[in-house]
Structures are given as C-alpha cells and as structure tokens.
C-alpha atoms as a PDB file:
ATOM      1  CA  MET A   1     124.829 144.862  61.822  1.00  0.00           C
ATOM      2  CA  SER A   2     122.431 143.036  64.068  1.00  0.00           C
ATOM      3  CA  GLY A   3     122.500 139.304  64.514  1.00  0.00           C
ATOM      4  CA  ILE A   4     124.215 137.924  61.436  1.00  0.00           C
ATOM      5  CA  GLY A   5     123.351 134.270  61.246  1.00  0.00           C
ATOM      6  CA  ARG A   6     120.761 132.049  59.671  1.00  0.00           C
ATOM      7  CA  SER A   7     117.476 131.256  61.372  1.00  0.00           C
ATOM      8  CA  ALA A   8     115.256 128.417  60.168  1.00  0.00           C
ATOM      9  CA  MET A   9     111.717 129.116  58.937  1.00  0.00           C
ATOM     10  CA  THR A  10     112.255 132.849  58.725  1.00  0.00           C
ATOM     11  CA  VAL A  11     112.687 135.490  56.059  1.00  0.00           C
ATOM     12  CA  GLU A  12     115.620 137.833  56.556  1.00  0.00           C
ATOM     13  CA  LEU A  13     116.967 140.599  54.372  1.00  0.00           C
ATOM     14  CA  TYR A  14     120.547 141.812  54.655  1.00  0.00           C
ATOM     15  CA  TYR A  15     120.678 145.262  53.104  1.00  0.00           C
ATOM     16  CA  PHE A  16     122.634 148.503  52.808  1.00  0.00           C
ATOM     17  CA  GLN A  17     121.578 152.007  53.733  1.00  0.00           C
ATOM     18  CA  PRO A  18     120.322 154.193  52.229  1.00  0.00           C
ATOM     19  CA  LEU A  19     117.587 151.988  50.817  1.00  0.00           C
ATOM     20  CA  GLY A  20     117.941 152.186  47.053  1.00  0.00           C
ATOM     21  CA  THR A  21     119.400 150.327  44.069  1.00  0.00           C
ATOM     22  CA  ASN A  22     119.706 146.586  44.782  1.00  0.00           C
ATOM     23  CA  SER A  23     118.931 146.754  48.498  1.00  0.00           C
ATOM     24  CA  GLY A  24     115.913 148.960  47.937  1.00  0.00           C
ATOM     25  CA  ARG A  25     114.459 146.853  45.134  1.00  0.00           C
ATOM     26  CA  VAL A  26     114.298 143.695  47.285  1.00  0.00           C
ATOM     27  CA  TYR A  27     113.188 145.583  50.404  1.00  0.00           C
ATOM     28  CA  GLN A  28     110.336 147.180  48.463  1.00  0.00           C
ATOM     29  CA  ALA A  29     109.307 143.909  46.817  1.00  0.00           C
ATOM     30  CA  LEU A  30     108.934 142.324  50.252  1.00  0.00           C
ATOM     31  CA  LEU A  31     106.809 145.259  51.404  1.00  0.00           C
ATOM     32  CA  GLU A  32     104.620 145.170  48.297  1.00  0.00           C
ATOM     33  CA  LYS A  33     104.102 141.441  48.716  1.00  0.00           C
ATOM     34  CA  GLY A  34     103.270 141.834  52.399  1.00  0.00           C
ATOM     35  CA  VAL A  35     106.007 139.463  53.562  1.00  0.00           C
ATOM     36  CA  ASP A  36     106.876 139.538  57.259  1.00  0.00           C
ATOM     37  CA  PHE A  37     110.669 139.690  57.289  1.00  0.00           C
ATOM     38  CA  VAL A  38     113.549 140.436  59.630  1.00  0.00           C
ATOM     39  CA  PRO A  39     115.551 143.454  58.401  1.00  0.00           C
ATOM     40  CA  ARG A  40     119.295 143.138  58.992  1.00  0.00           C
ATOM     41  CA  GLU A  41     121.156 146.311  58.130  1.00  0.00           C
ATOM     42  CA  ILE A  42     124.756 145.920  56.968  1.00  0.00           C
ATOM     43  CA  SER A  43     127.082 148.842  57.663  1.00  0.00           C
ATOM     44  CA  GLY A  44     128.779 149.756  54.427  1.00  0.00           C
ATOM     45  CA  ARG A  45     130.909 152.371  56.180  1.00  0.00           C
ATOM     46  CA  ASP A  46     132.363 149.610  58.354  1.00  0.00           C
ATOM     47  CA  PHE A  47     132.625 147.231  55.384  1.00  0.00           C
ATOM     48  CA  GLU A  48     130.659 144.597  57.283  1.00  0.00           C
ATOM     49  CA  HIS A  49     129.785 142.908  53.982  1.00  0.00           C
ATOM     50  CA  LEU A  50     133.444 141.907  53.637  1.00  0.00           C
ATOM     51  CA  LYS A  51     133.802 140.424  57.110  1.00  0.00           C
ATOM     52  CA  PRO A  52     133.711 136.658  57.780  1.00  0.00           C
ATOM     53  CA  ALA A  53     130.318 136.716  59.497  1.00  0.00           C
ATOM     54  CA  TYR A  54     128.570 138.088  56.410  1.00  0.00           C
ATOM     55  CA  LEU A  55     130.651 136.081  53.950  1.00  0.00           C
ATOM     56  CA  THR A  56     129.079 132.955  55.440  1.00  0.00           C
ATOM     57  CA  VAL A  57     125.739 134.368  54.264  1.00  0.00           C
ATOM     58  CA  ASN A  58     126.952 135.571  50.867  1.00  0.00           C
ATOM     59  CA  PRO A  59     130.476 134.440  49.909  1.00  0.00           C
ATOM     60  CA  LYS A  60     130.663 137.114  47.188  1.00  0.00           C
ATOM     61  CA  GLY A  61     130.301 139.848  49.799  1.00  0.00           C
ATOM     62  CA  GLN A  62     127.461 141.402  47.839  1.00  0.00           C
ATOM     63  CA  VAL A  63     124.378 143.040  49.270  1.00  0.00           C
ATOM     64  CA  PRO A  64     121.445 142.421  49.455  1.00  0.00           C
ATOM     65  CA  THR A  65     120.933 138.812  50.419  1.00  0.00           C
ATOM     66  CA  LEU A  66     117.516 137.345  51.067  1.00  0.00           C
ATOM     67  CA  VAL A  67     117.602 134.393  53.461  1.00  0.00           C
ATOM     68  CA  HIS A  68     114.533 132.142  53.411  1.00  0.00           C
ATOM     69  CA  ASP A  69     114.417 129.112  55.697  1.00  0.00           C
ATOM     70  CA  GLY A  70     118.198 129.263  56.027  1.00  0.00           C
ATOM     71  CA  VAL A  71     118.877 129.409  52.269  1.00  0.00           C
ATOM     72  CA  SER A  72     120.588 132.472  50.812  1.00  0.00           C
ATOM     73  CA  ILE A  73     118.879 133.923  47.735  1.00  0.00           C
ATOM     74  CA  THR A  74     121.175 136.341  45.900  1.00  0.00           C
ATOM     75  CA  GLU A  75     121.015 138.614  42.832  1.00  0.00           C
ATOM     76  CA  GLY A  76     118.309 141.264  43.253  1.00  0.00           C
ATOM     77  CA  ALA A  77     116.295 140.621  40.081  1.00  0.00           C
ATOM     78  CA  LEU A  78     116.194 136.880  40.704  1.00  0.00           C
ATOM     79  CA  ALA A  79     115.413 137.382  44.390  1.00  0.00           C
ATOM     80  CA  ASN A  80     112.421 139.528  43.482  1.00  0.00           C
ATOM     81  CA  GLU A  81     110.968 136.923  41.135  1.00  0.00           C
ATOM     82  CA  TYR A  82     111.549 134.346  43.877  1.00  0.00           C
ATOM     83  CA  ILE A  83     109.604 136.558  46.297  1.00  0.00           C
ATOM     84  CA  ASP A  84     106.703 136.880  43.875  1.00  0.00           C
ATOM     85  CA  GLU A  85     106.548 133.144  43.187  1.00  0.00           C
ATOM     86  CA  THR A  86     107.068 131.957  46.759  1.00  0.00           C
ATOM     87  CA  PHE A  87     104.875 134.164  48.920  1.00  0.00           C
ATOM     88  CA  GLU A  88     101.187 134.955  48.925  1.00  0.00           C
ATOM     89  CA  GLY A  89     100.154 138.519  48.203  1.00  0.00           C
ATOM     90  CA  PRO A  90      99.487 140.885  45.311  1.00  0.00           C
ATOM     91  CA  PRO A  91     101.145 139.720  42.071  1.00  0.00           C
ATOM     92  CA  LEU A  92     104.252 141.687  41.120  1.00  0.00           C
ATOM     93  CA  ARG A  93     104.514 140.293  37.583  1.00  0.00           C
ATOM     94  CA  PRO A  94     101.963 140.859  34.816  1.00  0.00           C
ATOM     95  CA  SER A  95      99.808 137.925  33.775  1.00  0.00           C
ATOM     96  CA  ASP A  96     100.024 139.115  30.167  1.00  0.00           C
ATOM     97  CA  LEU A  97     103.150 137.487  28.743  1.00  0.00           C
ATOM     98  CA  ARG A  98     104.095 140.439  26.553  1.00  0.00           C
ATOM     99  CA  GLU A  99     103.905 142.756  29.515  1.00  0.00           C
ATOM    100  CA  ARG A 100     105.960 140.282  31.538  1.00  0.00           C
ATOM    101  CA  TRP A 101     108.558 140.351  28.773  1.00  0.00           C
ATOM    102  CA  ARG A 102     108.520 144.169  28.853  1.00  0.00           C
ATOM    103  CA  MET A 103     108.889 144.073  32.645  1.00  0.00           C
ATOM    104  CA  ARG A 104     112.058 141.986  32.387  1.00  0.00           C
ATOM    105  CA  VAL A 105     113.524 144.087  29.568  1.00  0.00           C
ATOM    106  CA  TRP A 106     113.053 147.308  31.530  1.00  0.00           C
ATOM    107  CA  SER A 107     114.181 145.797  34.815  1.00  0.00           C
ATOM    108  CA  ARG A 108     117.414 144.678  33.191  1.00  0.00           C
ATOM    109  CA  TRP A 109     117.889 148.069  31.533  1.00  0.00           C
ATOM    110  CA  ALA A 110     117.168 149.989  34.749  1.00  0.00           C
ATOM    111  CA  GLU A 111     119.845 147.976  36.563  1.00  0.00           C
ATOM    112  CA  ASN A 112     122.510 147.383  33.927  1.00  0.00           C
ATOM    113  CA  ASP A 113     122.287 150.442  31.698  1.00  0.00           C
ATOM    114  CA  LEU A 114     120.755 153.570  33.215  1.00  0.00           C
ATOM    115  CA  GLY A 115     121.287 152.396  36.783  1.00  0.00           C
ATOM    116  CA  ARG A 116     124.917 151.509  36.168  1.00  0.00           C
ATOM    117  CA  CYS A 117     125.840 154.896  34.720  1.00  0.00           C
ATOM    118  CA  LEU A 118     124.034 156.655  37.574  1.00  0.00           C
ATOM    119  CA  MET A 119     125.939 154.533  40.081  1.00  0.00           C
ATOM    120  CA  MET A 120     129.206 155.491  38.373  1.00  0.00           C
ATOM    121  CA  ILE A 121     128.349 159.174  38.768  1.00  0.00           C
ATOM    122  CA  ASN A 122     127.177 158.760  42.345  1.00  0.00           C
ATOM    123  CA  TRP A 123     130.108 156.609  43.460  1.00  0.00           C
ATOM    124  CA  ASN A 124     132.488 159.366  42.485  1.00  0.00           C
ATOM    125  CA  ARG A 125     130.433 161.817  44.514  1.00  0.00           C
ATOM    126  CA  VAL A 126     130.135 159.854  47.727  1.00  0.00           C
ATOM    127  CA  VAL A 127     132.852 157.195  47.998  1.00  0.00           C
ATOM    128  CA  PRO A 128     135.489 159.530  49.537  1.00  0.00           C
ATOM    129  CA  ASN A 129     133.103 160.538  52.335  1.00  0.00           C
ATOM    130  CA  PHE A 130     131.848 156.981  52.605  1.00  0.00           C
ATOM    131  CA  VAL A 131     135.376 155.685  53.191  1.00  0.00           C
ATOM    132  CA  GLY A 132     136.016 158.463  55.701  1.00  0.00           C
ATOM    133  CA  LYS A 133     139.436 159.288  57.146  1.00  0.00           C
ATOM    134  CA  ARG A 134     141.021 155.907  56.598  1.00  0.00           C
ATOM    135  CA  THR A 135     144.638 155.936  55.503  1.00  0.00           C
ATOM    136  CA  GLU A 136     145.768 154.613  52.147  1.00  0.00           C
ATOM    137  CA  ALA A 137     147.034 151.433  53.796  1.00  0.00           C
ATOM    138  CA  GLU A 138     143.697 150.890  55.565  1.00  0.00           C
ATOM    139  CA  VAL A 139     141.714 151.404  52.358  1.00  0.00           C
ATOM    140  CA  LEU A 140     143.916 149.023  50.372  1.00  0.00           C
ATOM    141  CA  GLU A 141     143.640 146.416  53.115  1.00  0.00           C
ATOM    142  CA  VAL A 142     139.842 146.636  53.037  1.00  0.00           C
ATOM    143  CA  LEU A 143     139.691 146.485  49.235  1.00  0.00           C
ATOM    144  CA  GLU A 144     141.884 143.398  49.165  1.00  0.00           C
ATOM    145  CA  SER A 145     138.977 141.529  50.722  1.00  0.00           C
ATOM    146  CA  VAL A 146     136.562 142.482  47.906  1.00  0.00           C
ATOM    147  CA  PRO A 147     135.981 139.193  46.035  1.00  0.00           C
ATOM    148  CA  ASP A 148     135.096 140.850  42.705  1.00  0.00           C
ATOM    149  CA  PRO A 149     138.218 142.380  41.063  1.00  0.00           C
ATOM    150  CA  ASP A 150     136.157 144.715  38.841  1.00  0.00           C
ATOM    151  CA  ARG A 151     134.301 146.095  41.837  1.00  0.00           C
ATOM    152  CA  ARG A 152     137.601 146.448  43.691  1.00  0.00           C
ATOM    153  CA  ARG A 153     139.089 148.526  40.849  1.00  0.00           C
ATOM    154  CA  SER A 154     135.968 150.704  40.582  1.00  0.00           C
ATOM    155  CA  TRP A 155     135.970 151.471  44.296  1.00  0.00           C
ATOM    156  CA  LEU A 156     139.665 152.311  44.272  1.00  0.00           C
ATOM    157  CA  ALA A 157     139.345 154.593  41.229  1.00  0.00           C
ATOM    158  CA  ALA A 158     136.384 156.411  42.780  1.00  0.00           C
ATOM    159  CA  TRP A 159     138.179 156.836  46.114  1.00  0.00           C
ATOM    160  CA  ARG A 160     141.288 158.174  44.409  1.00  0.00           C
ATOM    161  CA  GLN A 161     139.150 160.317  42.095  1.00  0.00           C
ATOM    162  CA  GLN A 162     140.934 158.701  39.169  1.00  0.00           C
ATOM    163  CA  THR A 163     137.933 157.546  37.157  1.00  0.00           C
ATOM    164  CA  PRO A 164     138.812 158.500  33.542  1.00  0.00           C
ATOM    165  CA  PRO A 165     137.038 161.724  32.468  1.00  0.00           C
ATOM    166  CA  GLU A 166     135.821 160.086  29.275  1.00  0.00           C
ATOM    167  CA  MET A 167     134.137 157.374  31.351  1.00  0.00           C
ATOM    168  CA  MET A 168     132.387 159.998  33.460  1.00  0.00           C
ATOM    169  CA  GLU A 169     131.270 161.904  30.378  1.00  0.00           C
ATOM    170  CA  GLU A 170     129.889 158.720  28.862  1.00  0.00           C
ATOM    171  CA  SER A 171     127.963 158.079  32.073  1.00  0.00           C
ATOM    172  CA  HIS A 172     126.467 161.571  31.936  1.00  0.00           C
ATOM    173  CA  ARG A 173     125.561 161.091  28.270  1.00  0.00           C
ATOM    174  CA  ARG A 174     123.815 157.815  29.048  1.00  0.00           C
ATOM    175  CA  ALA A 175     121.970 159.478  31.935  1.00  0.00           C
ATOM    176  CA  ARG A 176     120.673 162.176  29.585  1.00  0.00           C
ATOM    177  CA  GLU A 177     119.590 159.628  26.990  1.00  0.00           C
ATOM    178  CA  GLY A 178     118.125 157.400  29.690  1.00  0.00           C
ATOM    179  CA  ALA A 179     115.919 160.155  31.090  1.00  0.00           C
ATOM    180  CA  LYS A 180     114.572 160.756  27.579  1.00  0.00           C
ATOM    181  CA  ALA A 181     113.931 157.041  27.056  1.00  0.00           C
ATOM    182  CA  VAL A 182     111.992 156.734  30.325  1.00  0.00           C
ATOM    183  CA  GLU A 183     109.955 159.834  29.474  1.00  0.00           C
ATOM    184  CA  GLY A 184     109.067 158.537  26.022  1.00  0.00           C
ATOM    185  CA  HIS A 185     108.034 155.158  27.400  1.00  0.00           C
ATOM    186  CA  LEU A 186     105.926 156.504  30.258  1.00  0.00           C
ATOM    187  CA  ARG A 187     104.058 158.814  27.907  1.00  0.00           C
ATOM    188  CA  GLN A 188     102.690 155.641  26.320  1.00  0.00           C
ATOM    189  CA  HIS A 189     102.150 153.465  29.397  1.00  0.00           C
ATOM    190  CA  PRO A 190     100.837 154.163  32.917  1.00  0.00           C
ATOM    191  CA  TRP A 191     103.309 151.661  34.383  1.00  0.00           C
ATOM    192  CA  VAL A 192     106.679 150.466  33.157  1.00  0.00           C
ATOM    193  CA  ALA A 193     105.482 147.022  32.031  1.00  0.00           C
ATOM    194  CA  GLY A 194     102.323 148.484  30.526  1.00  0.00           C
ATOM    195  CA  SER A 195      98.900 148.420  32.147  1.00  0.00           C
ATOM    196  CA  VAL A 196      99.826 147.129  35.618  1.00  0.00           C
ATOM    197  CA  PHE A 197     102.305 147.853  38.397  1.00  0.00           C
ATOM    198  CA  SER A 198     105.178 145.347  38.436  1.00  0.00           C
ATOM    199  CA  LEU A 199     108.716 144.577  39.524  1.00  0.00           C
ATOM    200  CA  ALA A 200     109.893 146.870  36.720  1.00  0.00           C
ATOM    201  CA  ASP A 201     108.385 149.857  38.557  1.00  0.00           C
ATOM    202  CA  ILE A 202     110.148 148.769  41.727  1.00  0.00           C
ATOM    203  CA  ASP A 203     113.443 148.513  39.866  1.00  0.00           C
ATOM    204  CA  LEU A 204     113.137 151.849  38.067  1.00  0.00           C
ATOM    205  CA  ASN A 205     112.115 153.475  41.343  1.00  0.00           C
ATOM    206  CA  ASN A 206     115.178 152.197  43.176  1.00  0.00           C
ATOM    207  CA  PHE A 207     117.820 152.548  40.487  1.00  0.00           C
ATOM    208  CA  CYS A 208     116.640 155.770  38.860  1.00  0.00           C
ATOM    209  CA  GLY A 209     113.849 157.326  40.930  1.00  0.00           C
ATOM    210  CA  PHE A 210     116.222 159.737  42.671  1.00  0.00           C
ATOM    211  CA  MET A 211     117.118 161.503  39.384  1.00  0.00           C
ATOM    212  CA  ALA A 212     114.502 164.215  39.934  1.00  0.00           C
ATOM    213  CA  MET A 213     116.194 165.103  43.219  1.00  0.00           C
ATOM    214  CA  TRP A 214     119.861 164.750  42.238  1.00  0.00           C
ATOM    215  CA  MET A 215     119.634 165.605  38.533  1.00  0.00           C
ATOM    216  CA  PRO A 216     116.809 168.143  38.171  1.00  0.00           C
ATOM    217  CA  GLU A 217     118.421 169.401  34.989  1.00  0.00           C
ATOM    218  CA  LEU A 218     117.462 166.053  33.417  1.00  0.00           C
ATOM    219  CA  VAL A 219     114.244 165.075  35.190  1.00  0.00           C
ATOM    220  CA  ASN A 220     111.791 167.905  35.854  1.00  0.00           C
ATOM    221  CA  ASP A 221     108.192 169.019  35.269  1.00  0.00           C
ATOM    222  CA  THR A 222     109.016 170.755  31.991  1.00  0.00           C
ATOM    223  CA  ASP A 223     111.204 168.226  30.205  1.00  0.00           C
ATOM    224  CA  THR A 224     109.947 164.944  31.645  1.00  0.00           C
ATOM    225  CA  PRO A 225     106.358 165.394  32.909  1.00  0.00           C
ATOM    226  CA  ALA A 226     105.458 161.711  32.450  1.00  0.00           C
ATOM    227  CA  PHE A 227     108.540 160.608  34.412  1.00  0.00           C
ATOM    228  CA  ILE A 228     107.618 163.059  37.184  1.00  0.00           C
ATOM    229  CA  ALA A 229     103.975 161.900  37.252  1.00  0.00           C
ATOM    230  CA  TRP A 230     105.055 158.259  37.475  1.00  0.00           C
ATOM    231  CA  ARG A 231     107.514 159.090  40.238  1.00  0.00           C
ATOM    232  CA  GLN A 232     104.752 160.826  42.189  1.00  0.00           C
ATOM    233  CA  LYS A 233     102.601 157.695  41.927  1.00  0.00           C
ATOM    234  CA  MET A 234     105.510 155.664  43.225  1.00  0.00           C
ATOM    235  CA  GLU A 235     106.160 158.040  46.121  1.00  0.00           C
ATOM    236  CA  GLU A 236     102.508 157.721  47.150  1.00  0.00           C
ATOM    237  CA  ARG A 237     102.635 153.930  47.405  1.00  0.00           C
ATOM    238  CA  PRO A 238     102.686 152.687  51.024  1.00  0.00           C
ATOM    239  CA  SER A 239     105.767 150.557  50.297  1.00  0.00           C
ATOM    240  CA  THR A 240     107.736 153.583  49.103  1.00  0.00           C
ATOM    241  CA  ARG A 241     106.623 155.652  52.082  1.00  0.00           C
ATOM    242  CA  THR A 242     107.663 152.911  54.487  1.00  0.00           C
ATOM    243  CA  MET A 243     110.997 152.498  52.749  1.00  0.00           C
ATOM    244  CA  ARG A 244     111.689 156.247  52.759  1.00  0.00           C
ATOM    245  CA  ALA A 245     110.904 156.382  56.476  1.00  0.00           C
ATOM    246  CA  GLN A 246     113.460 153.613  57.075  1.00  0.00           C
ATOM    247  CA  SER A 247     116.169 155.127  54.847  1.00  0.00           C
ATOM    248  CA  ASN A 248     119.215 157.013  56.070  1.00  0.00           C
ATOM    249  CA  PHE A 249     120.085 159.380  53.238  1.00  0.00           C
ATOM    250  CA  ASN A 250     122.850 160.993  55.279  1.00  0.00           C
ATOM    251  CA  LEU A 251     124.996 158.128  53.966  1.00  0.00           C
ATOM    252  CA  ALA A 252     124.682 159.438  50.404  1.00  0.00           C
ATOM    253  CA  THR A 253     125.527 163.100  50.094  1.00  0.00           C
ATOM    254  CA  ARG A 254     125.601 164.718  46.689  1.00  0.00           C
ATOM    255  CA  GLY A 255     128.710 166.782  47.176  1.00  0.00           C
ATOM    256  CA  GLY A 256     130.872 164.272  48.988  1.00  0.00           C
ATOM    257  CA  ALA A 257     133.500 163.804  46.340  1.00  0.00           C
ATOM    258  CA  ALA A 258     133.858 167.482  45.610  1.00  0.00           C
ATOM    259  CA  THR A 259     134.595 168.359  49.239  1.00  0.00           C
ATOM    260  CA  SER A 260     137.147 165.621  49.825  1.00  0.00           C
ATOM    261  CA  ASN A 261     140.566 166.954  50.790  1.00  0.00           C
ATOM    262  CA  ARG A 262     142.217 163.533  50.836  1.00  0.00           C
ATOM    263  CA  PRO A 263     145.695 163.717  49.268  1.00  0.00           C
ATOM    264  CA  ALA A 264     146.300 162.000  45.960  1.00  0.00           C
ATOM    265  CA  LEU A 265     147.730 158.496  46.223  1.00  0.00           C
ATOM    266  CA  ALA A 266     150.602 157.011  44.319  1.00  0.00           C
ATOM    267  CA  LYS A 267     149.582 155.073  41.240  1.00  0.00           C
ATOM    268  CA  ASP A 268     149.964 151.306  41.139  1.00  0.00           C
END
C-alpha cells in the first residue's frame, strides 16, 4: 500500500487487486470519465484494509474508497454516480429517465443478486489461498478486526470450507438463472440500460463479466451469444483494456479452495 493519507485537491482511489467487483467498478468509472486520479493499491493478502492507517480513510475497513479533496466517498454505486456528477467527461448515466431507472435496477441487481452469489462461489475457491499459511490463531486475530460481523462470519466459513452445501447450491442456481436473465435482456438491448453505455455496463462487467472465463458452462457462444457479444464490446473499450493491463489475476485462482490442505479447525 503506497502512501495512505489524504491529500487536498486530489482524487485518490484505494482499491483491491485484482481489479473487479467493487474496486473495478469505481476504477473503470474514473477511466471512462477521464479523471486524473492517484491509484492506491491496498494489499488484501496483508489485510491492509483492516489496519489503522486505512481505517482513518474508511472506518468500515471496506474497499474501494474514493477520496476527493480530502473527503472519503464510499459505497461503489454511490461513488460512481458522484464521479459522473462531479467531473467533466462523457456522461455515464442515460439522459432518458426510463433508461436511467433501468440502469439503477440492473446495477443493483448485478451487485446484490448475481454478483453476490458469484462472490460466494468465488470466495470459497480462493479464500484459503488468499489467507495463505497463517495459523488458526493468526486468522482469528485478523478477523476480529473486521468491523462487519456478517463479513467476518462469511470469511471464516469460506476459510474453514464450512459454507453450508445448500447455500452453495443456491448460489449456483442463482448463477444459472442470472446468466439466462442477462442473455434475455441483452438480446433486446445493445447496452444494459438500453440504447446507451452507462454505469450499469460498468457494474455488470465488473461483477459478472468474468463468467465466460470461469463458468463457460453457463456463459458461452452457444447458450448466451448476446452476453458474449456484449462482453466483447466491453473488452474492446479502452477503459477495460487499461484496467486489465493493471490487474493482477494471480490473486484470484479458480482452484484455490480445492487444493487447500489446511487442517479442519474446531467449531466455535
């Protein structure tokens, strides 16, 4: 983590690697808007977001945080609308009010429905490798500093590989249904909000755009051609190319959870 601290009259973005989900959505919005910002990578492996220096920036210990003129702007969806309203550049929200409504509906769904079930699946794949060779005592000590108790329990369950099977199956079911919903919608509209590119495309790209790579059984040329065509348009955007070039995907391996040989821990 480089230079945690607030600088006046600047735009800074504290973010996780790899660039995706909440970090990616704000990073890409800044790129699309053409905002000159200072990128400040937070090391998730070292749990820097839970250390005092970062907690002065975001007391909830959540990432990302946009800092503009010394003021912390949190919550990815709200930060992105702030970016669009505050800075000059191409509009990221439709002028048509119905399309703006559709943008917000799909942005919320991409984050809280499809994105959440995909994160549940992915957490259980990568958290053991992400945590590394820390002992049980070290992991519990780190998790004690997580301000959100729900997030603390989710991390612990994923690390112990104790997420209930029925919860995992429900996540997979929602992923299947979600891929179908995106396909049906994009067969009717060139962009998520409708006729124009918007924050909803940024959100779907960052929360769900990796499905073609990690879940080809759900998102592929045969079953979801409209989803694939939209994803290709997104991959060709300069903002996506820049973001991909800056991303470290070695921090998110697909088979991490399956290869973990960490011994089972005693239950609470």
